[in-house]
Amino acid sequence: MTVKEGYVTLPEVKEILESEVKARELSTEQKYSLEHSQRFARLDDKKARKLVAELISEVEGLSETIAIKIADLMPKDPEDIRILFAKERAGAQKKDVEKILAIVEKYG
């Protein structure tokens, strides 16, 4: 399996590790990662990637890393989104938070 470098969503981690477990024995860390992803992934990998792409295209200035965290967490509360922006130079504007919540709701 060819794996590209970069950030991936939790559902993508799940998909990668589930395909790898069929091919070989996973390391202990990989087994823990697989278990975690199976327990907490809320979307399938295609929907998660589509959500990330829509968030990046619809919300101006949203980085890929924040979009991936949003897809992993599927927040329902504005405060959850503001927490994700806590370390960012520019915080989330109210209109952006509302837009993010609307987009996430479509996939939830």
C-alpha atoms as a PDB file:
ATOM      1  CA  MET A   1       0.000   0.000   0.000  1.00  0.00           C
ATOM      2  CA  THR A   2       1.312   3.422  -0.908  1.00  0.00           C
ATOM      3  CA  VAL A   3       0.802   6.022   1.783  1.00  0.00           C
ATOM      4  CA  LYS A   4       1.331   9.681   1.019  1.00  0.00           C
ATOM      5  CA  GLU A   5       2.840  12.021   3.554  1.00  0.00           C
ATOM      6  CA  GLY A   6       0.666  14.623   5.213  1.00  0.00           C
ATOM      7  CA  TYR A   7      -2.186  14.962   7.629  1.00  0.00           C
ATOM      8  CA  VAL A   8      -5.025  12.466   7.574  1.00  0.00           C
ATOM      9  CA  THR A   9      -8.358  12.281   9.331  1.00  0.00           C
ATOM     10  CA  LEU A  10      -9.161   9.679  11.957  1.00  0.00           C
ATOM     11  CA  PRO A  11     -11.438   7.764   9.550  1.00  0.00           C
ATOM     12  CA  GLU A  12      -8.549   7.646   7.066  1.00  0.00           C
ATOM     13  CA  VAL A  13      -6.262   6.269   9.782  1.00  0.00           C
ATOM     14  CA  LYS A  14      -8.856   3.606  10.453  1.00  0.00           C
ATOM     15  CA  GLU A  15      -9.082   2.704   6.760  1.00  0.00           C
ATOM     16  CA  ILE A  16      -5.285   2.533   6.354  1.00  0.00           C
ATOM     17  CA  LEU A  17      -4.762   0.382   9.436  1.00  0.00           C
ATOM     18  CA  GLU A  18      -7.679  -1.939   8.639  1.00  0.00           C
ATOM     19  CA  SER A  19      -6.168  -2.632   5.223  1.00  0.00           C
ATOM     20  CA  GLU A  20      -2.703  -3.127   6.745  1.00  0.00           C
ATOM     21  CA  VAL A  21      -3.923  -5.599   9.377  1.00  0.00           C
ATOM     22  CA  LYS A  22      -4.997  -7.899   6.522  1.00  0.00           C
ATOM     23  CA  ALA A  23      -1.508  -7.794   5.031  1.00  0.00           C
ATOM     24  CA  ARG A  24       0.728  -8.047   8.104  1.00  0.00           C
ATOM     25  CA  GLU A  25       0.989  -8.026  11.876  1.00  0.00           C
ATOM     26  CA  LEU A  26       0.594  -4.516  13.310  1.00  0.00           C
ATOM     27  CA  SER A  27       2.913  -3.121  15.956  1.00  0.00           C
ATOM     28  CA  THR A  28       1.540  -2.433  19.417  1.00  0.00           C
ATOM     29  CA  GLU A  29       1.237   1.295  18.686  1.00  0.00           C
ATOM     30  CA  GLN A  30      -0.568   0.593  15.439  1.00  0.00           C
ATOM     31  CA  LYS A  31      -2.990  -1.743  17.214  1.00  0.00           C
ATOM     32  CA  TYR A  32      -3.774   0.973  19.763  1.00  0.00           C
ATOM     33  CA  SER A  33      -4.225   3.478  16.937  1.00  0.00           C
ATOM     34  CA  LEU A  34      -6.555   1.111  15.107  1.00  0.00           C
ATOM     35  CA  GLU A  35      -8.633   0.523  18.237  1.00  0.00           C
ATOM     36  CA  HIS A  36      -8.808   4.271  18.913  1.00  0.00           C
ATOM     37  CA  SER A  37      -9.838   5.057  15.347  1.00  0.00           C
ATOM     38  CA  GLN A  38     -12.487   2.334  15.340  1.00  0.00           C
ATOM     39  CA  ARG A  39     -13.948   3.683  18.558  1.00  0.00           C
ATOM     40  CA  PHE A  40     -13.901   7.413  17.778  1.00  0.00           C
ATOM     41  CA  ALA A  41     -14.159   7.854  13.984  1.00  0.00           C
ATOM     42  CA  ARG A  42     -17.585   9.330  13.338  1.00  0.00           C
ATOM     43  CA  LEU A  43     -17.544   9.312   9.535  1.00  0.00           C
ATOM     44  CA  ASP A  44     -16.219   7.056   6.834  1.00  0.00           C
ATOM     45  CA  ASP A  45     -12.949   8.091   5.183  1.00  0.00           C
ATOM     46  CA  LYS A  46     -14.529   9.441   1.972  1.00  0.00           C
ATOM     47  CA  LYS A  47     -17.042  11.622   3.815  1.00  0.00           C
ATOM     48  CA  ALA A  48     -14.322  12.886   6.146  1.00  0.00           C
ATOM     49  CA  ARG A  49     -12.072  13.909   3.237  1.00  0.00           C
ATOM     50  CA  LYS A  50     -15.061  15.551   1.502  1.00  0.00           C
ATOM     51  CA  LEU A  51     -15.880  17.453   4.705  1.00  0.00           C
ATOM     52  CA  VAL A  52     -12.285  18.678   5.015  1.00  0.00           C
ATOM     53  CA  ALA A  53     -12.297  19.840   1.387  1.00  0.00           C
ATOM     54  CA  GLU A  54     -15.610  21.672   1.847  1.00  0.00           C
ATOM     55  CA  LEU A  55     -14.439  23.346   5.052  1.00  0.00           C
ATOM     56  CA  ILE A  56     -11.238  24.578   3.381  1.00  0.00           C
ATOM     57  CA  SER A  57     -13.096  25.894   0.336  1.00  0.00           C
ATOM     58  CA  GLU A  58     -16.005  27.497   2.208  1.00  0.00           C
ATOM     59  CA  VAL A  59     -14.267  29.037   5.240  1.00  0.00           C
ATOM     60  CA  GLU A  60     -11.713  31.649   4.297  1.00  0.00           C
ATOM     61  CA  GLY A  61      -8.310  31.198   5.912  1.00  0.00           C
ATOM     62  CA  LEU A  62      -9.049  27.807   7.450  1.00  0.00           C
ATOM     63  CA  SER A  63      -5.940  25.631   7.514  1.00  0.00           C
ATOM     64  CA  GLU A  64      -5.956  21.967   6.572  1.00  0.00           C
ATOM     65  CA  THR A  65      -4.871  20.939  10.072  1.00  0.00           C
ATOM     66  CA  ILE A  66      -7.813  22.727  11.724  1.00  0.00           C
ATOM     67  CA  ALA A  67     -10.220  21.365   9.092  1.00  0.00           C
ATOM     68  CA  ILE A  68      -8.984  17.834   9.833  1.00  0.00           C
ATOM     69  CA  LYS A  69      -9.436  18.341  13.584  1.00  0.00           C
ATOM     70  CA  ILE A  70     -12.969  19.588  12.938  1.00  0.00           C
ATOM     71  CA  ALA A  71     -13.692  16.479  10.831  1.00  0.00           C
ATOM     72  CA  ASP A  72     -12.275  14.246  13.581  1.00  0.00           C
ATOM     73  CA  LEU A  73     -14.221  15.869  16.404  1.00  0.00           C
ATOM     74  CA  MET A  74     -17.449  16.792  14.563  1.00  0.00           C
ATOM     75  CA  PRO A  75     -18.186  19.654  17.015  1.00  0.00           C
ATOM     76  CA  LYS A  76     -21.760  20.678  17.706  1.00  0.00           C
ATOM     77  CA  ASP A  77     -21.032  23.655  19.952  1.00  0.00           C
ATOM     78  CA  PRO A  78     -19.449  27.017  18.973  1.00  0.00           C
ATOM     79  CA  GLU A  79     -17.159  26.861  22.005  1.00  0.00           C
ATOM     80  CA  ASP A  80     -15.641  23.597  20.766  1.00  0.00           C
ATOM     81  CA  ILE A  81     -14.676  25.322  17.525  1.00  0.00           C
ATOM     82  CA  ARG A  82     -13.201  28.312  19.345  1.00  0.00           C
ATOM     83  CA  ILE A  83     -11.013  25.941  21.372  1.00  0.00           C
ATOM     84  CA  LEU A  84      -9.559  24.544  18.147  1.00  0.00           C
ATOM     85  CA  PHE A  85      -8.582  28.081  17.148  1.00  0.00           C
ATOM     86  CA  ALA A  86      -7.015  28.897  20.541  1.00  0.00           C
ATOM     87  CA  LYS A  87      -3.422  28.556  19.303  1.00  0.00           C
ATOM     88  CA  GLU A  88      -4.067  30.189  15.948  1.00  0.00           C
ATOM     89  CA  ARG A  89      -2.911  33.729  15.340  1.00  0.00           C
ATOM     90  CA  ALA A  90      -6.377  34.833  14.259  1.00  0.00           C
ATOM     91  CA  GLY A  91      -9.298  33.451  16.239  1.00  0.00           C
ATOM     92  CA  ALA A  92     -12.504  32.245  14.671  1.00  0.00           C
ATOM     93  CA  GLN A  93     -14.985  34.924  13.668  1.00  0.00           C
ATOM     94  CA  LYS A  94     -18.610  34.391  14.677  1.00  0.00           C
ATOM     95  CA  LYS A  95     -19.747  34.086  11.041  1.00  0.00           C
ATOM     96  CA  ASP A  96     -17.031  31.499  10.393  1.00  0.00           C
ATOM     97  CA  VAL A  97     -18.030  29.480  13.461  1.00  0.00           C
ATOM     98  CA  GLU A  98     -21.648  29.466  12.288  1.00  0.00           C
ATOM     99  CA  LYS A  99     -20.587  28.420   8.773  1.00  0.00           C
ATOM    100  CA  ILE A 100     -18.417  25.610  10.181  1.00  0.00           C
ATOM    101  CA  LEU A 101     -21.273  24.336  12.349  1.00  0.00           C
ATOM    102  CA  ALA A 102     -23.646  24.363   9.363  1.00  0.00           C
ATOM    103  CA  ILE A 103     -21.191  22.403   7.208  1.00  0.00           C
ATOM    104  CA  VAL A 104     -20.481  19.861   9.986  1.00  0.00           C
ATOM    105  CA  GLU A 105     -24.210  19.415  10.587  1.00  0.00           C
ATOM    106  CA  LYS A 106     -24.675  18.338   6.944  1.00  0.00           C
ATOM    107  CA  TYR A 107     -22.249  15.464   7.517  1.00  0.00           C
ATOM    108  CA  GLY A 108     -23.393  14.535  11.030  1.00  0.00           C
END
